[in-house]
Amino acid sequence: MKGPPLPLVEELSRLGYALMRLLLTRAKEVFAQEGLSLLQAEVLRLVKEGVSAPSRLAEHLEVQPSQVSHLLVSLEEAGLLGRHPDPEDRRRVLLRLTEKGEAVERRLQEAWLRAYGQHLARLEAGELLLFRDLLRKLTGVERG
């Protein structure tokens, strides 16, 4: 199967990168309002979603375990996260959000959705649905 013409691929590549940078910059601004870095906010989100082992966090974040350790220390010191012994293997620890961490993660999620929604508001209703469908197709992600 022949792909799209190279000039179109180049333009889409530039536009995709520009959108990614725009959203990344906006996310950093949103998370900084809570005093958190992008990675710290992502740790909170992942732990909220059930990623409870530090080694799994490193995999998800695509960083070295030592970087995860620094992130966890900073989040613990802020009272957002706790480490607890794994009941099945006491040599391992499991991560859990504290009440404060859950509240902060919820505020981060709400703030991010508002910010992203502002960008999406540039599209009309039909364009939003088409954009969703195209993203699903390009990412291979089924209905969520």
N, C-alpha and C. Protein backbone atom coordinates (compact mmCIF):
# COMPACT_ATOMS: atom_id res chain seq x y z
N MET A 1 0.84 -1.18 0.00
CA MET A 1 0.00 0.00 0.00
C MET A 1 0.88 1.24 0.00
N LYS A 2 0.61 2.13 -0.91
CA LYS A 2 1.38 3.36 -1.02
C LYS A 2 0.86 4.36 0.00
N GLY A 3 1.77 5.06 0.65
CA GLY A 3 1.39 6.03 1.65
C GLY A 3 1.03 7.36 1.03
N PRO A 4 0.69 8.31 1.89
CA PRO A 4 0.35 9.66 1.41
C PRO A 4 1.57 10.35 0.81
N PRO A 5 1.35 11.39 0.02
CA PRO A 5 2.47 12.10 -0.60
C PRO A 5 3.40 12.71 0.46
N LEU A 6 4.68 12.69 0.17
CA LEU A 6 5.69 13.15 1.12
C LEU A 6 5.45 14.58 1.62
N PRO A 7 5.09 15.54 0.76
CA PRO A 7 4.84 16.89 1.29
C PRO A 7 3.72 16.93 2.33
N LEU A 8 2.69 16.12 2.13
CA LEU A 8 1.59 16.06 3.10
C LEU A 8 2.08 15.43 4.41
N VAL A 9 2.87 14.37 4.31
CA VAL A 9 3.43 13.73 5.50
C VAL A 9 4.29 14.73 6.28
N GLU A 10 5.10 15.50 5.55
CA GLU A 10 5.94 16.51 6.20
C GLU A 10 5.10 17.56 6.92
N GLU A 11 4.04 18.05 6.25
CA GLU A 11 3.19 19.05 6.88
C GLU A 11 2.48 18.49 8.11
N LEU A 12 1.94 17.28 7.98
CA LEU A 12 1.26 16.65 9.11
C LEU A 12 2.23 16.40 10.26
N SER A 13 3.45 16.05 9.93
CA SER A 13 4.47 15.85 10.95
C SER A 13 4.74 17.14 11.71
N ARG A 14 4.90 18.24 10.99
CA ARG A 14 5.13 19.54 11.63
C ARG A 14 3.94 19.95 12.48
N LEU A 15 2.75 19.76 11.95
CA LEU A 15 1.54 20.14 12.69
C LEU A 15 1.36 19.26 13.93
N GLY A 16 1.60 17.98 13.79
CA GLY A 16 1.50 17.07 14.94
C GLY A 16 2.49 17.45 16.03
N TYR A 17 3.71 17.77 15.62
CA TYR A 17 4.72 18.18 16.59
C TYR A 17 4.33 19.50 17.26
N ALA A 18 3.81 20.44 16.47
CA ALA A 18 3.39 21.73 17.03
C ALA A 18 2.27 21.54 18.05
N LEU A 19 1.31 20.66 17.75
CA LEU A 19 0.23 20.38 18.70
C LEU A 19 0.78 19.73 19.97
N MET A 20 1.68 18.79 19.79
CA MET A 20 2.27 18.12 20.94
C MET A 20 3.01 19.12 21.84
N ARG A 21 3.80 20.01 21.24
CA ARG A 21 4.53 21.02 22.01
C ARG A 21 3.57 21.99 22.71
N LEU A 22 2.53 22.40 22.01
CA LEU A 22 1.54 23.30 22.58
C LEU A 22 0.88 22.67 23.81
N LEU A 23 0.46 21.43 23.68
CA LEU A 23 -0.20 20.76 24.79
C LEU A 23 0.77 20.47 25.94
N LEU A 24 2.00 20.13 25.62
CA LEU A 24 3.00 19.89 26.65
C LEU A 24 3.29 21.17 27.44
N THR A 25 3.43 22.27 26.73
CA THR A 25 3.67 23.55 27.39
C THR A 25 2.50 23.93 28.27
N ARG A 26 1.30 23.73 27.77
CA ARG A 26 0.10 24.06 28.55
C ARG A 26 -0.01 23.17 29.78
N ALA A 27 0.31 21.88 29.62
CA ALA A 27 0.26 20.96 30.76
C ALA A 27 1.24 21.40 31.84
N LYS A 28 2.44 21.79 31.44
CA LYS A 28 3.43 22.25 32.41
C LYS A 28 2.91 23.46 33.18
N GLU A 29 2.26 24.38 32.47
CA GLU A 29 1.70 25.57 33.13
C GLU A 29 0.61 25.19 34.13
N VAL A 30 -0.27 24.29 33.73
CA VAL A 30 -1.38 23.85 34.59
C VAL A 30 -0.84 23.18 35.84
N PHE A 31 0.13 22.28 35.67
CA PHE A 31 0.65 21.53 36.81
C PHE A 31 1.50 22.40 37.72
N ALA A 32 2.16 23.39 37.15
CA ALA A 32 2.98 24.32 37.96
C ALA A 32 2.10 25.11 38.93
N GLN A 33 0.84 25.31 38.59
CA GLN A 33 -0.07 26.03 39.49
C GLN A 33 -0.27 25.28 40.80
N GLU A 34 -0.03 23.97 40.78
CA GLU A 34 -0.10 23.15 42.00
C GLU A 34 1.31 22.91 42.56
N GLY A 35 2.31 23.54 41.93
CA GLY A 35 3.68 23.38 42.39
C GLY A 35 4.32 22.07 41.98
N LEU A 36 3.80 21.46 40.91
CA LEU A 36 4.30 20.16 40.47
C LEU A 36 4.87 20.22 39.07
N SER A 37 5.86 19.37 38.82
CA SER A 37 6.40 19.22 37.48
C SER A 37 5.49 18.29 36.68
N LEU A 38 5.74 18.23 35.41
CA LEU A 38 4.98 17.32 34.54
C LEU A 38 5.14 15.87 35.00
N LEU A 39 6.37 15.47 35.35
CA LEU A 39 6.60 14.10 35.79
C LEU A 39 5.93 13.82 37.14
N GLN A 40 5.98 14.77 38.05
CA GLN A 40 5.31 14.56 39.34
C GLN A 40 3.81 14.38 39.15
N ALA A 41 3.22 15.20 38.30
CA ALA A 41 1.79 15.09 38.02
C ALA A 41 1.47 13.75 37.37
N GLU A 42 2.34 13.30 36.49
CA GLU A 42 2.13 12.02 35.83
C GLU A 42 2.23 10.87 36.82
N VAL A 43 3.14 10.95 37.79
CA VAL A 43 3.23 9.93 38.83
C VAL A 43 1.92 9.85 39.60
N LEU A 44 1.37 11.00 39.98
CA LEU A 44 0.10 11.00 40.71
C LEU A 44 -0.99 10.35 39.88
N ARG A 45 -1.05 10.69 38.59
CA ARG A 45 -2.08 10.12 37.72
C ARG A 45 -1.91 8.60 37.61
N LEU A 46 -0.69 8.15 37.42
CA LEU A 46 -0.44 6.71 37.26
C LEU A 46 -0.76 5.94 38.54
N VAL A 47 -0.37 6.49 39.69
CA VAL A 47 -0.68 5.83 40.95
C VAL A 47 -2.19 5.78 41.15
N LYS A 48 -2.87 6.87 40.81
CA LYS A 48 -4.34 6.91 40.90
C LYS A 48 -4.96 5.80 40.03
N GLU A 49 -4.34 5.54 38.87
CA GLU A 49 -4.85 4.52 37.95
C GLU A 49 -4.43 3.11 38.32
N GLY A 50 -3.65 2.96 39.41
CA GLY A 50 -3.32 1.63 39.88
C GLY A 50 -1.89 1.16 39.68
N VAL A 51 -1.04 2.01 39.14
CA VAL A 51 0.37 1.66 39.01
C VAL A 51 1.00 1.90 40.39
N SER A 52 1.22 0.83 41.14
CA SER A 52 1.61 1.01 42.54
C SER A 52 3.04 0.60 42.84
N ALA A 53 3.75 0.02 41.88
CA ALA A 53 5.13 -0.38 42.10
C ALA A 53 6.08 0.64 41.47
N PRO A 54 7.10 1.07 42.21
CA PRO A 54 8.05 2.04 41.63
C PRO A 54 8.68 1.56 40.33
N SER A 55 8.96 0.28 40.21
CA SER A 55 9.57 -0.23 38.98
C SER A 55 8.62 -0.06 37.79
N ARG A 56 7.33 -0.24 38.02
CA ARG A 56 6.34 -0.05 36.94
C ARG A 56 6.23 1.42 36.56
N LEU A 57 6.37 2.30 37.56
CA LEU A 57 6.37 3.74 37.25
C LEU A 57 7.51 4.07 36.32
N ALA A 58 8.69 3.54 36.60
CA ALA A 58 9.86 3.80 35.75
C ALA A 58 9.58 3.35 34.32
N GLU A 59 8.93 2.20 34.17
CA GLU A 59 8.58 1.70 32.83
C GLU A 59 7.60 2.64 32.14
N HIS A 60 6.56 3.04 32.84
CA HIS A 60 5.54 3.92 32.25
C HIS A 60 6.13 5.28 31.89
N LEU A 61 6.98 5.81 32.75
CA LEU A 61 7.55 7.14 32.53
C LEU A 61 8.76 7.10 31.59
N GLU A 62 9.26 5.89 31.34
CA GLU A 62 10.45 5.69 30.52
C GLU A 62 11.63 6.48 31.08
N VAL A 63 11.85 6.29 32.38
CA VAL A 63 12.98 6.92 33.07
C VAL A 63 13.69 5.86 33.90
N GLN A 64 14.87 6.22 34.40
CA GLN A 64 15.65 5.33 35.25
C GLN A 64 15.00 5.22 36.62
N PRO A 65 15.13 4.06 37.28
CA PRO A 65 14.57 3.92 38.63
C PRO A 65 15.06 4.99 39.60
N SER A 66 16.29 5.46 39.44
CA SER A 66 16.79 6.51 40.35
C SER A 66 16.00 7.80 40.19
N GLN A 67 15.56 8.09 38.97
CA GLN A 67 14.72 9.28 38.75
C GLN A 67 13.37 9.12 39.45
N VAL A 68 12.82 7.91 39.42
CA VAL A 68 11.56 7.65 40.08
C VAL A 68 11.73 7.84 41.59
N SER A 69 12.84 7.37 42.12
CA SER A 69 13.10 7.54 43.56
C SER A 69 13.06 9.00 43.95
N HIS A 70 13.70 9.86 43.16
CA HIS A 70 13.69 11.30 43.45
C HIS A 70 12.28 11.87 43.37
N LEU A 71 11.52 11.44 42.38
CA LEU A 71 10.14 11.90 42.24
C LEU A 71 9.31 11.47 43.45
N LEU A 72 9.48 10.23 43.87
CA LEU A 72 8.71 9.72 45.00
C LEU A 72 9.05 10.44 46.29
N VAL A 73 10.34 10.72 46.49
CA VAL A 73 10.75 11.45 47.70
C VAL A 73 10.09 12.83 47.73
N SER A 74 10.11 13.52 46.59
CA SER A 74 9.52 14.86 46.55
C SER A 74 8.01 14.82 46.80
N LEU A 75 7.33 13.81 46.27
CA LEU A 75 5.89 13.69 46.47
C LEU A 75 5.55 13.25 47.89
N GLU A 76 6.40 12.43 48.47
CA GLU A 76 6.20 12.05 49.88
C GLU A 76 6.40 13.25 50.79
N GLU A 77 7.46 14.02 50.53
CA GLU A 77 7.73 15.20 51.36
C GLU A 77 6.60 16.22 51.26
N ALA A 78 5.93 16.26 50.12
CA ALA A 78 4.79 17.17 49.94
C ALA A 78 3.52 16.60 50.55
N GLY A 79 3.58 15.37 51.05
CA GLY A 79 2.41 14.75 51.67
C GLY A 79 1.39 14.23 50.68
N LEU A 80 1.83 13.97 49.44
CA LEU A 80 0.90 13.55 48.39
C LEU A 80 0.87 12.04 48.17
N LEU A 81 1.91 11.37 48.65
CA LEU A 81 2.10 9.97 48.31
C LEU A 81 2.69 9.25 49.51
N GLY A 82 2.31 7.99 49.68
CA GLY A 82 2.89 7.16 50.73
C GLY A 82 3.38 5.85 50.17
N ARG A 83 4.44 5.33 50.76
CA ARG A 83 4.95 4.00 50.41
C ARG A 83 4.55 3.05 51.52
N HIS A 84 4.06 1.88 51.13
CA HIS A 84 3.59 0.90 52.10
C HIS A 84 4.15 -0.46 51.73
N PRO A 85 4.47 -1.29 52.72
CA PRO A 85 4.98 -2.64 52.41
C PRO A 85 3.95 -3.44 51.62
N ASP A 86 4.45 -4.18 50.65
CA ASP A 86 3.60 -5.08 49.87
C ASP A 86 3.25 -6.27 50.77
N PRO A 87 1.96 -6.52 51.02
CA PRO A 87 1.59 -7.63 51.91
C PRO A 87 2.01 -9.00 51.37
N GLU A 88 2.21 -9.10 50.07
CA GLU A 88 2.60 -10.38 49.48
C GLU A 88 4.11 -10.57 49.44
N ASP A 89 4.86 -9.47 49.51
CA ASP A 89 6.33 -9.54 49.47
C ASP A 89 6.85 -8.33 50.23
N ARG A 90 7.18 -8.51 51.49
CA ARG A 90 7.54 -7.40 52.36
C ARG A 90 8.83 -6.70 51.93
N ARG A 91 9.55 -7.25 50.98
CA ARG A 91 10.76 -6.58 50.47
C ARG A 91 10.38 -5.46 49.50
N ARG A 92 9.19 -5.50 48.97
CA ARG A 92 8.73 -4.51 47.99
C ARG A 92 7.82 -3.49 48.66
N VAL A 93 7.71 -2.33 48.01
CA VAL A 93 6.77 -1.32 48.50
C VAL A 93 5.71 -1.06 47.44
N LEU A 94 4.55 -0.66 47.91
CA LEU A 94 3.46 -0.25 47.04
C LEU A 94 3.19 1.23 47.32
N LEU A 95 2.77 1.93 46.30
CA LEU A 95 2.51 3.35 46.41
C LEU A 95 1.02 3.62 46.48
N ARG A 96 0.67 4.60 47.30
CA ARG A 96 -0.73 5.03 47.39
C ARG A 96 -0.76 6.53 47.56
N LEU A 97 -1.77 7.14 46.97
CA LEU A 97 -1.96 8.56 47.18
C LEU A 97 -2.53 8.79 48.57
N THR A 98 -2.09 9.85 49.19
CA THR A 98 -2.69 10.26 50.46
C THR A 98 -4.00 10.98 50.13
N GLU A 99 -4.76 11.34 51.16
CA GLU A 99 -5.97 12.14 50.91
C GLU A 99 -5.61 13.44 50.20
N LYS A 100 -4.55 14.07 50.66
CA LYS A 100 -4.09 15.30 50.03
C LYS A 100 -3.69 15.03 48.57
N GLY A 101 -3.01 13.92 48.35
CA GLY A 101 -2.60 13.54 46.99
C GLY A 101 -3.78 13.30 46.08
N GLU A 102 -4.81 12.67 46.61
CA GLU A 102 -6.01 12.43 45.81
C GLU A 102 -6.69 13.75 45.45
N ALA A 103 -6.73 14.66 46.40
CA ALA A 103 -7.35 15.97 46.14
C ALA A 103 -6.55 16.75 45.10
N VAL A 104 -5.23 16.72 45.22
CA VAL A 104 -4.38 17.43 44.25
C VAL A 104 -4.52 16.79 42.87
N GLU A 105 -4.50 15.47 42.81
CA GLU A 105 -4.63 14.78 41.52
C GLU A 105 -5.96 15.12 40.87
N ARG A 106 -7.01 15.19 41.65
CA ARG A 106 -8.34 15.54 41.12
C ARG A 106 -8.33 16.97 40.57
N ARG A 107 -7.71 17.90 41.31
CA ARG A 107 -7.63 19.29 40.83
C ARG A 107 -6.79 19.38 39.55
N LEU A 108 -5.70 18.62 39.50
CA LEU A 108 -4.86 18.60 38.30
C LEU A 108 -5.65 18.11 37.10
N GLN A 109 -6.39 17.03 37.30
CA GLN A 109 -7.19 16.46 36.21
C GLN A 109 -8.24 17.46 35.73
N GLU A 110 -8.93 18.08 36.67
CA GLU A 110 -9.96 19.06 36.30
C GLU A 110 -9.34 20.25 35.57
N ALA A 111 -8.22 20.75 36.06
CA ALA A 111 -7.55 21.90 35.44
C ALA A 111 -7.06 21.54 34.04
N TRP A 112 -6.51 20.32 33.89
CA TRP A 112 -6.02 19.90 32.58
C TRP A 112 -7.17 19.76 31.59
N LEU A 113 -8.28 19.18 32.03
CA LEU A 113 -9.42 19.02 31.12
C LEU A 113 -9.97 20.38 30.69
N ARG A 114 -10.00 21.35 31.61
CA ARG A 114 -10.43 22.71 31.23
C ARG A 114 -9.48 23.30 30.20
N ALA A 115 -8.17 23.16 30.43
CA ALA A 115 -7.18 23.73 29.52
C ALA A 115 -7.25 23.06 28.15
N TYR A 116 -7.33 21.74 28.12
CA TYR A 116 -7.41 21.03 26.85
C TYR A 116 -8.72 21.35 26.15
N GLY A 117 -9.78 21.46 26.95
CA GLY A 117 -11.09 21.81 26.39
C GLY A 117 -11.08 23.17 25.72
N GLN A 118 -10.28 24.11 26.23
CA GLN A 118 -10.17 25.43 25.60
C GLN A 118 -9.59 25.30 24.20
N HIS A 119 -8.61 24.41 24.03
CA HIS A 119 -8.05 24.21 22.69
C HIS A 119 -9.05 23.51 21.78
N LEU A 120 -9.74 22.53 22.34
CA LEU A 120 -10.72 21.80 21.53
C LEU A 120 -11.92 22.66 21.16
N ALA A 121 -12.17 23.72 21.92
CA ALA A 121 -13.31 24.61 21.65
C ALA A 121 -13.16 25.31 20.30
N ARG A 122 -11.98 25.28 19.73
CA ARG A 122 -11.76 25.86 18.39
C ARG A 122 -12.45 25.04 17.30
N LEU A 123 -12.81 23.81 17.64
CA LEU A 123 -13.44 22.92 16.67
C LEU A 123 -14.95 22.92 16.85
N GLU A 124 -15.66 22.73 15.76
CA GLU A 124 -17.11 22.59 15.82
C GLU A 124 -17.44 21.16 16.27
N ALA A 125 -18.69 20.93 16.63
CA ALA A 125 -19.12 19.64 17.16
C ALA A 125 -18.75 18.48 16.22
N GLY A 126 -19.03 18.62 14.95
CA GLY A 126 -18.71 17.56 13.99
C GLY A 126 -17.22 17.35 13.85
N GLU A 127 -16.46 18.43 13.91
CA GLU A 127 -15.00 18.33 13.83
C GLU A 127 -14.43 17.61 15.04
N LEU A 128 -15.03 17.86 16.21
CA LEU A 128 -14.57 17.17 17.43
C LEU A 128 -14.74 15.66 17.30
N LEU A 129 -15.88 15.24 16.81
CA LEU A 129 -16.13 13.81 16.65
C LEU A 129 -15.19 13.21 15.61
N LEU A 130 -14.96 13.93 14.52
CA LEU A 130 -14.04 13.47 13.49
C LEU A 130 -12.62 13.39 14.05
N PHE A 131 -12.21 14.40 14.82
CA PHE A 131 -10.89 14.43 15.44
C PHE A 131 -10.72 13.22 16.36
N ARG A 132 -11.75 12.95 17.17
CA ARG A 132 -11.72 11.78 18.07
C ARG A 132 -11.56 10.50 17.26
N ASP A 133 -12.34 10.36 16.21
CA ASP A 133 -12.30 9.14 15.41
C ASP A 133 -10.94 8.98 14.73
N LEU A 134 -10.38 10.08 14.25
CA LEU A 134 -9.07 10.02 13.60
C LEU A 134 -7.98 9.66 14.62
N LEU A 135 -8.06 10.23 15.82
CA LEU A 135 -7.08 9.88 16.85
C LEU A 135 -7.19 8.41 17.23
N ARG A 136 -8.41 7.90 17.34
CA ARG A 136 -8.60 6.48 17.63
C ARG A 136 -7.95 5.62 16.55
N LYS A 137 -8.17 6.01 15.31
CA LYS A 137 -7.63 5.23 14.19
C LYS A 137 -6.10 5.29 14.18
N LEU A 138 -5.55 6.47 14.37
CA LEU A 138 -4.10 6.62 14.34
C LEU A 138 -3.39 5.96 15.51
N THR A 139 -4.04 5.94 16.67
CA THR A 139 -3.41 5.37 17.87
C THR A 139 -3.75 3.90 18.06
N GLY A 140 -4.76 3.42 17.36
CA GLY A 140 -5.19 2.04 17.54
C GLY A 140 -5.98 1.85 18.83
N VAL A 141 -6.42 2.94 19.43
CA VAL A 141 -7.18 2.86 20.67
C VAL A 141 -8.66 2.76 20.34
N GLU A 142 -9.26 1.72 20.86
CA GLU A 142 -10.69 1.52 20.63
C GLU A 142 -11.50 2.46 21.53
N ARG A 143 -12.77 2.38 21.40
CA ARG A 143 -13.65 3.21 22.23
C ARG A 143 -13.24 3.12 23.69
N GLY A 144 -13.22 4.30 24.33
CA GLY A 144 -12.78 4.32 25.73
C GLY A 144 -13.84 4.75 26.67
